[in-house]
N, C-alpha and C. Protein backbone atom coordinates (compact mmCIF):
# COMPACT_ATOMS: atom_id res chain seq x y z
N MET A 1 95.61 112.79 108.47
CA MET A 1 94.56 113.72 108.80
C MET A 1 94.57 113.95 110.31
N PRO A 2 94.43 115.20 110.75
CA PRO A 2 94.44 115.49 112.19
C PRO A 2 93.20 114.90 112.88
N SER A 3 93.33 114.66 114.15
CA SER A 3 92.22 114.11 114.94
C SER A 3 91.16 115.18 115.16
N GLU A 4 89.93 114.71 115.27
CA GLU A 4 88.80 115.60 115.59
C GLU A 4 88.97 116.08 117.04
N PRO A 5 88.79 117.37 117.31
CA PRO A 5 88.96 117.87 118.68
C PRO A 5 87.87 117.34 119.60
N LEU A 6 88.20 117.24 120.88
CA LEU A 6 87.25 116.82 121.92
C LEU A 6 86.87 118.05 122.73
N PRO A 7 85.78 118.72 122.37
CA PRO A 7 85.47 120.02 122.97
C PRO A 7 85.26 120.00 124.48
N VAL A 8 84.54 119.02 125.01
CA VAL A 8 84.27 119.01 126.45
C VAL A 8 85.56 118.84 127.23
N LYS A 9 86.40 117.91 126.81
CA LYS A 9 87.67 117.66 127.49
C LYS A 9 88.56 118.90 127.46
N GLU A 10 88.67 119.54 126.29
CA GLU A 10 89.52 120.72 126.18
C GLU A 10 89.03 121.85 127.06
N LEU A 11 87.71 122.07 127.09
CA LEU A 11 87.16 123.15 127.91
C LEU A 11 87.37 122.88 129.39
N LEU A 12 87.07 121.67 129.85
CA LEU A 12 87.23 121.35 131.27
C LEU A 12 88.70 121.38 131.69
N ASP A 13 89.60 120.91 130.83
CA ASP A 13 91.04 120.97 131.14
C ASP A 13 91.49 122.42 131.26
N ASP A 14 91.00 123.29 130.38
CA ASP A 14 91.35 124.70 130.44
C ASP A 14 90.81 125.34 131.72
N PHE A 15 89.57 125.06 132.05
CA PHE A 15 88.99 125.60 133.29
C PHE A 15 89.78 125.12 134.50
N ASP A 16 90.18 123.86 134.49
CA ASP A 16 90.92 123.29 135.62
C ASP A 16 92.25 124.00 135.83
N THR A 17 92.94 124.34 134.75
CA THR A 17 94.25 124.99 134.88
C THR A 17 94.14 126.49 135.13
N GLN A 18 93.05 127.13 134.69
CA GLN A 18 92.93 128.58 134.78
C GLN A 18 92.05 129.07 135.93
N TRP A 19 91.42 128.18 136.66
CA TRP A 19 90.47 128.56 137.71
C TRP A 19 91.19 129.40 138.77
N ASN A 20 90.58 130.51 139.18
CA ASN A 20 91.14 131.38 140.21
C ASN A 20 90.47 131.05 141.54
N ALA A 21 91.15 130.28 142.37
CA ALA A 21 90.57 129.82 143.64
C ALA A 21 90.41 130.95 144.65
N SER A 22 91.03 132.10 144.41
CA SER A 22 90.83 133.23 145.33
C SER A 22 89.46 133.88 145.10
N ASN A 23 88.85 133.66 143.94
CA ASN A 23 87.50 134.17 143.68
C ASN A 23 86.45 133.24 144.27
N VAL A 24 86.56 131.95 144.00
CA VAL A 24 85.66 130.93 144.53
C VAL A 24 86.42 129.61 144.52
N VAL A 25 86.19 128.79 145.54
CA VAL A 25 86.91 127.52 145.67
C VAL A 25 86.74 126.69 144.40
N GLU A 26 87.86 126.11 143.94
CA GLU A 26 87.82 125.34 142.69
C GLU A 26 86.98 124.07 142.85
N PRO A 27 86.06 123.84 141.92
CA PRO A 27 85.25 122.62 141.97
C PRO A 27 86.00 121.44 141.36
N ARG A 28 85.40 120.29 141.46
CA ARG A 28 85.90 119.10 140.77
C ARG A 28 85.27 119.07 139.39
N PHE A 29 86.08 118.85 138.35
CA PHE A 29 85.58 118.81 136.98
C PHE A 29 85.46 117.36 136.53
N ILE A 30 84.27 116.98 136.05
CA ILE A 30 84.01 115.62 135.61
C ILE A 30 83.47 115.66 134.19
N GLU A 31 84.07 114.85 133.30
CA GLU A 31 83.54 114.71 131.94
C GLU A 31 82.70 113.44 131.88
N VAL A 32 81.47 113.57 131.43
CA VAL A 32 80.59 112.41 131.30
C VAL A 32 80.99 111.65 130.05
N THR A 33 81.31 110.37 130.23
CA THR A 33 81.71 109.55 129.08
C THR A 33 80.91 108.27 128.98
N GLY A 34 80.12 107.93 129.98
CA GLY A 34 79.34 106.70 129.96
C GLY A 34 77.96 106.93 129.40
N SER A 35 77.13 105.89 129.47
CA SER A 35 75.76 106.01 128.98
C SER A 35 74.93 106.78 129.99
N THR A 36 73.79 107.28 129.56
CA THR A 36 72.92 108.05 130.44
C THR A 36 72.25 107.16 131.48
N ASN A 37 72.30 105.84 131.30
CA ASN A 37 71.71 104.91 132.28
C ASN A 37 72.63 104.67 133.47
N ASP A 38 73.92 104.98 133.30
CA ASP A 38 74.87 104.79 134.39
C ASP A 38 74.72 105.92 135.40
N PRO A 39 74.54 105.61 136.68
CA PRO A 39 74.41 106.68 137.67
C PRO A 39 75.73 107.40 137.87
N LEU A 40 75.66 108.70 138.05
CA LEU A 40 76.84 109.52 138.29
C LEU A 40 76.88 109.84 139.77
N ARG A 41 77.95 109.48 140.44
CA ARG A 41 78.04 109.69 141.88
C ARG A 41 79.22 110.60 142.19
N TYR A 42 78.97 111.56 143.08
CA TYR A 42 80.02 112.45 143.54
C TYR A 42 79.64 112.92 144.93
N ASP A 43 80.63 113.31 145.71
CA ASP A 43 80.42 113.72 147.09
C ASP A 43 80.55 115.23 147.19
N LEU A 44 79.42 115.91 147.37
CA LEU A 44 79.44 117.37 147.47
C LEU A 44 79.98 117.85 148.81
N ASN A 45 80.17 116.95 149.77
CA ASN A 45 80.78 117.34 151.04
C ASN A 45 82.28 117.56 150.88
N VAL A 46 82.86 117.00 149.82
CA VAL A 46 84.29 117.16 149.56
C VAL A 46 84.54 118.42 148.74
N LYS A 47 83.86 118.55 147.60
CA LYS A 47 84.04 119.69 146.69
C LYS A 47 82.77 119.92 145.90
N ASP A 48 82.61 121.15 145.42
CA ASP A 48 81.56 121.41 144.44
C ASP A 48 81.93 120.67 143.16
N VAL A 49 80.95 120.48 142.27
CA VAL A 49 81.19 119.67 141.08
C VAL A 49 80.68 120.39 139.84
N VAL A 50 81.48 120.33 138.77
CA VAL A 50 81.06 120.78 137.44
C VAL A 50 81.14 119.55 136.53
N VAL A 51 79.97 119.15 136.00
CA VAL A 51 79.89 117.97 135.14
C VAL A 51 79.72 118.45 133.70
N GLY A 52 80.64 118.07 132.82
CA GLY A 52 80.59 118.48 131.42
C GLY A 52 80.14 117.36 130.52
N ARG A 53 79.29 117.72 129.55
CA ARG A 53 78.83 116.73 128.55
C ARG A 53 78.53 117.48 127.26
N PRO A 54 78.56 116.77 126.13
CA PRO A 54 78.18 117.41 124.87
C PRO A 54 76.73 117.87 124.92
N GLY A 55 76.46 119.03 124.34
CA GLY A 55 75.09 119.54 124.27
C GLY A 55 74.34 118.91 123.11
N THR A 56 73.18 119.48 122.83
CA THR A 56 72.34 118.97 121.74
C THR A 56 72.13 120.08 120.73
N PRO A 57 72.52 119.94 119.51
CA PRO A 57 73.37 118.88 118.96
C PRO A 57 74.81 119.07 119.44
N ALA A 58 75.58 118.02 119.42
CA ALA A 58 76.98 118.11 119.85
C ALA A 58 77.77 119.02 118.91
N VAL A 59 77.52 118.89 117.61
CA VAL A 59 78.19 119.72 116.60
C VAL A 59 77.15 120.22 115.62
N ASP A 60 77.21 121.50 115.31
CA ASP A 60 76.32 122.09 114.31
C ASP A 60 77.20 122.73 113.24
N GLU A 61 77.02 122.31 112.00
CA GLU A 61 77.85 122.82 110.91
C GLU A 61 76.98 123.48 109.86
N MET A 62 77.42 124.66 109.41
CA MET A 62 76.66 125.38 108.40
C MET A 62 77.61 125.81 107.29
N PRO A 63 77.49 125.21 106.10
CA PRO A 63 78.35 125.61 104.97
C PRO A 63 78.08 127.06 104.58
N ILE A 64 79.12 127.73 104.11
CA ILE A 64 78.96 129.11 103.65
C ILE A 64 79.56 129.23 102.25
N GLY A 65 79.14 130.26 101.54
CA GLY A 65 79.68 130.53 100.21
C GLY A 65 79.49 129.38 99.26
N ASN A 66 80.59 128.89 98.71
CA ASN A 66 80.54 127.81 97.72
C ASN A 66 80.59 126.42 98.36
N TRP A 67 80.32 126.33 99.65
CA TRP A 67 80.26 125.09 100.42
C TRP A 67 81.63 124.44 100.62
N LYS A 68 82.72 125.17 100.32
CA LYS A 68 84.05 124.67 100.65
C LYS A 68 84.43 125.05 102.07
N TYR A 69 83.78 126.09 102.57
CA TYR A 69 84.05 126.59 103.92
C TYR A 69 82.76 126.54 104.73
N GLY A 70 82.92 126.59 106.02
CA GLY A 70 81.73 126.54 106.86
C GLY A 70 82.01 127.04 108.27
N ASN A 71 80.94 127.22 109.00
CA ASN A 71 81.00 127.59 110.41
C ASN A 71 80.62 126.36 111.22
N ARG A 72 81.39 126.06 112.23
CA ARG A 72 81.13 124.88 113.05
C ARG A 72 81.00 125.32 114.51
N VAL A 73 79.94 124.86 115.17
CA VAL A 73 79.68 125.19 116.57
C VAL A 73 79.58 123.89 117.37
N TYR A 74 80.35 123.81 118.44
CA TYR A 74 80.31 122.67 119.35
C TYR A 74 79.57 123.11 120.62
N ASN A 75 78.47 122.45 120.93
CA ASN A 75 77.66 122.79 122.10
C ASN A 75 78.10 121.95 123.30
N ILE A 76 78.21 122.61 124.45
CA ILE A 76 78.62 121.94 125.68
C ILE A 76 77.66 122.34 126.79
N GLU A 77 77.24 121.36 127.58
CA GLU A 77 76.43 121.63 128.77
C GLU A 77 77.27 121.35 130.00
N LEU A 78 77.24 122.29 130.94
CA LEU A 78 77.94 122.13 132.20
C LEU A 78 76.91 122.15 133.32
N GLU A 79 76.82 121.06 134.06
CA GLU A 79 75.96 121.02 135.25
C GLU A 79 76.83 121.41 136.43
N VAL A 80 76.38 122.39 137.20
CA VAL A 80 77.13 122.88 138.35
C VAL A 80 76.33 122.52 139.61
N HIS A 81 76.98 121.87 140.57
CA HIS A 81 76.30 121.43 141.80
C HIS A 81 77.10 121.87 143.02
N THR A 82 76.40 122.36 144.04
CA THR A 82 77.01 122.69 145.33
C THR A 82 76.01 122.41 146.44
N ASN A 83 76.51 122.08 147.62
CA ASN A 83 75.61 121.96 148.76
C ASN A 83 75.88 123.07 149.77
N ASN A 84 76.63 124.08 149.34
CA ASN A 84 76.97 125.19 150.22
C ASN A 84 75.78 126.14 150.39
N ASN A 85 75.45 126.88 149.33
CA ASN A 85 74.28 127.77 149.32
C ASN A 85 74.10 128.32 147.90
N ARG A 86 73.01 129.02 147.70
CA ARG A 86 72.71 129.57 146.37
C ARG A 86 73.78 130.58 145.94
N GLN A 87 74.29 131.36 146.90
CA GLN A 87 75.33 132.34 146.56
C GLN A 87 76.56 131.65 145.98
N ARG A 88 76.95 130.50 146.54
CA ARG A 88 78.10 129.76 146.02
C ARG A 88 77.83 129.32 144.59
N LEU A 89 76.61 128.86 144.30
CA LEU A 89 76.25 128.47 142.93
C LEU A 89 76.47 129.64 141.98
N TYR A 90 75.96 130.82 142.35
CA TYR A 90 76.10 131.98 141.48
C TYR A 90 77.55 132.44 141.37
N ASP A 91 78.34 132.26 142.43
CA ASP A 91 79.77 132.59 142.35
C ASP A 91 80.50 131.64 141.40
N LEU A 92 80.14 130.36 141.43
CA LEU A 92 80.73 129.40 140.49
C LEU A 92 80.37 129.76 139.05
N ILE A 93 79.12 130.14 138.82
CA ILE A 93 78.68 130.53 137.48
C ILE A 93 79.44 131.78 137.03
N ARG A 94 79.61 132.74 137.94
CA ARG A 94 80.35 133.96 137.60
C ARG A 94 81.78 133.63 137.17
N GLU A 95 82.42 132.70 137.88
CA GLU A 95 83.80 132.34 137.53
C GLU A 95 83.85 131.63 136.18
N ILE A 96 82.88 130.77 135.89
CA ILE A 96 82.81 130.12 134.58
C ILE A 96 82.62 131.16 133.49
N ARG A 97 81.70 132.10 133.70
CA ARG A 97 81.45 133.16 132.72
C ARG A 97 82.70 134.01 132.52
N LYS A 98 83.39 134.34 133.62
CA LYS A 98 84.60 135.15 133.55
C LYS A 98 85.68 134.42 132.73
N LEU A 99 85.84 133.12 132.96
CA LEU A 99 86.83 132.36 132.20
C LEU A 99 86.48 132.32 130.71
N CYS A 100 85.20 132.18 130.40
CA CYS A 100 84.78 132.19 128.98
C CYS A 100 85.12 133.52 128.33
N HIS A 101 84.90 134.62 129.04
CA HIS A 101 85.17 135.95 128.47
C HIS A 101 86.67 136.24 128.41
N ALA A 102 87.38 135.88 129.47
CA ALA A 102 88.82 136.20 129.54
C ALA A 102 89.64 135.33 128.58
N ARG A 103 89.18 134.12 128.33
CA ARG A 103 89.95 133.17 127.51
C ARG A 103 89.26 132.89 126.19
N ILE A 104 88.54 133.87 125.69
CA ILE A 104 87.70 133.72 124.50
C ILE A 104 88.45 133.10 123.31
N HIS A 105 89.72 133.43 123.13
CA HIS A 105 90.49 132.93 121.98
C HIS A 105 91.65 132.03 122.40
N SER A 106 91.58 131.39 123.55
CA SER A 106 92.73 130.68 124.11
C SER A 106 92.83 129.20 123.80
N LEU A 107 91.76 128.57 123.34
CA LEU A 107 91.83 127.13 123.06
C LEU A 107 92.46 126.89 121.70
N THR A 108 93.31 125.90 121.61
CA THR A 108 94.06 125.62 120.39
C THR A 108 93.18 125.23 119.22
N ASN A 109 92.21 124.35 119.43
CA ASN A 109 91.42 123.81 118.34
C ASN A 109 90.14 124.59 118.04
N PHE A 110 89.93 125.69 118.74
CA PHE A 110 88.70 126.46 118.55
C PHE A 110 89.04 127.94 118.51
N GLN A 111 88.28 128.68 117.69
CA GLN A 111 88.55 130.11 117.55
C GLN A 111 87.95 130.93 118.69
N ARG A 112 86.84 130.44 119.27
CA ARG A 112 86.12 131.26 120.24
C ARG A 112 85.40 130.39 121.27
N ILE A 113 85.39 130.86 122.52
CA ILE A 113 84.55 130.28 123.57
C ILE A 113 83.42 131.28 123.81
N ARG A 114 82.18 130.79 123.85
CA ARG A 114 81.05 131.70 124.06
C ARG A 114 80.15 131.18 125.17
N PHE A 115 80.01 131.98 126.23
CA PHE A 115 79.04 131.68 127.29
C PHE A 115 77.67 132.00 126.72
N VAL A 116 76.76 131.03 126.72
CA VAL A 116 75.45 131.21 126.09
C VAL A 116 74.38 131.50 127.12
N SER A 117 74.25 130.64 128.15
CA SER A 117 73.15 130.83 129.10
C SER A 117 73.40 130.08 130.39
N PHE A 118 72.62 130.46 131.40
CA PHE A 118 72.61 129.78 132.69
C PHE A 118 71.17 129.60 133.12
N GLN A 119 70.86 128.40 133.57
CA GLN A 119 69.51 128.10 134.06
C GLN A 119 69.66 127.44 135.42
N GLU A 120 69.03 128.03 136.44
CA GLU A 120 69.06 127.41 137.77
C GLU A 120 68.07 126.26 137.79
N LEU A 121 68.54 125.11 138.26
CA LEU A 121 67.69 123.91 138.33
C LEU A 121 67.11 123.80 139.74
N THR A 122 65.80 123.72 139.82
CA THR A 122 65.15 123.72 141.14
C THR A 122 64.21 122.54 141.31
N GLN A 123 64.61 121.37 140.84
CA GLN A 123 63.79 120.18 141.08
C GLN A 123 63.96 119.78 142.54
N GLN A 124 63.07 119.09 143.07
CA GLN A 124 62.94 118.66 144.45
C GLN A 124 64.27 118.29 145.10
N GLN A 125 65.16 119.23 145.25
CA GLN A 125 66.44 119.00 145.90
C GLN A 125 66.48 119.82 147.17
N VAL A 126 66.89 119.22 148.26
CA VAL A 126 66.98 119.92 149.52
C VAL A 126 68.46 120.14 149.84
N ASN A 127 68.82 121.38 150.08
CA ASN A 127 70.19 121.75 150.43
C ASN A 127 71.22 121.39 149.36
N VAL A 128 70.77 121.31 148.11
CA VAL A 128 71.67 121.16 146.97
C VAL A 128 71.23 122.18 145.93
N TRP A 129 72.16 123.01 145.50
CA TRP A 129 71.85 124.02 144.49
C TRP A 129 72.55 123.62 143.20
N SER A 130 71.80 123.65 142.11
CA SER A 130 72.31 123.19 140.82
C SER A 130 71.95 124.17 139.73
N GLY A 131 72.77 124.18 138.70
CA GLY A 131 72.50 125.02 137.54
C GLY A 131 73.04 124.36 136.29
N LEU A 132 72.51 124.78 135.16
CA LEU A 132 72.93 124.27 133.86
C LEU A 132 73.46 125.43 133.03
N VAL A 133 74.71 125.33 132.64
CA VAL A 133 75.37 126.37 131.83
C VAL A 133 75.54 125.84 130.42
N SER A 134 75.21 126.65 129.43
CA SER A 134 75.44 126.30 128.03
C SER A 134 76.61 127.13 127.52
N VAL A 135 77.57 126.44 126.92
CA VAL A 135 78.76 127.08 126.36
C VAL A 135 78.91 126.58 124.93
N GLN A 136 79.38 127.44 124.04
CA GLN A 136 79.66 127.04 122.67
C GLN A 136 81.13 127.30 122.35
N LEU A 137 81.73 126.36 121.65
CA LEU A 137 83.06 126.55 121.08
C LEU A 137 82.86 126.70 119.59
N GLU A 138 83.38 127.78 119.02
CA GLU A 138 83.07 128.13 117.63
C GLU A 138 84.32 128.14 116.77
N ASN A 139 84.15 127.68 115.54
CA ASN A 139 85.14 127.83 114.47
C ASN A 139 84.39 128.41 113.27
N SER A 140 84.82 129.57 112.82
CA SER A 140 84.14 130.25 111.71
C SER A 140 85.00 130.24 110.46
N ALA A 141 84.35 130.10 109.31
CA ALA A 141 85.00 130.16 108.00
C ALA A 141 86.18 129.20 107.92
N ILE A 142 85.95 127.96 108.31
CA ILE A 142 87.00 126.94 108.24
C ILE A 142 86.81 126.09 106.99
N LEU A 143 87.89 125.54 106.50
CA LEU A 143 87.85 124.67 105.33
C LEU A 143 87.17 123.36 105.72
N LEU A 144 86.12 122.99 104.99
CA LEU A 144 85.40 121.75 105.28
C LEU A 144 86.16 120.58 104.67
N GLU A 145 86.22 119.47 105.39
CA GLU A 145 86.97 118.30 104.94
C GLU A 145 86.30 117.67 103.72
N THR A 146 87.10 117.35 102.71
CA THR A 146 86.57 116.69 101.52
C THR A 146 87.31 115.39 101.21
N THR A 147 88.44 115.20 101.82
CA THR A 147 89.19 113.95 101.60
C THR A 147 89.63 113.35 102.91
């Protein structure tokens, strides 16, 4: 049986290889793999950062027809951080959105990449601009595993 795909890793790896640094300087891509109690440390003086983690729910599956097939959606959250300025944050978001649209059918294990939303985070941070991007990787009308 084939392995279950790792959506966050595949998306971040694709972004890392396809990023156009002439549009905006390439950030550092980090996949969160530890517990939420572990502090995440990065130096924004070196590079901007995009932190990827599974969204909630990580996978949403909806059977269709006779329940042999279904639609599966993998939710991903990307936290984007910069200490440059708000314009840099929006330029990073634009590049992420552009990659989602340009590479909509490019991932091997997923039929579609969908940019869902962007929310600017404005908690008591001084000279740090952050945002939360929601992305979905979709597989439609796929055969559901029974064995």
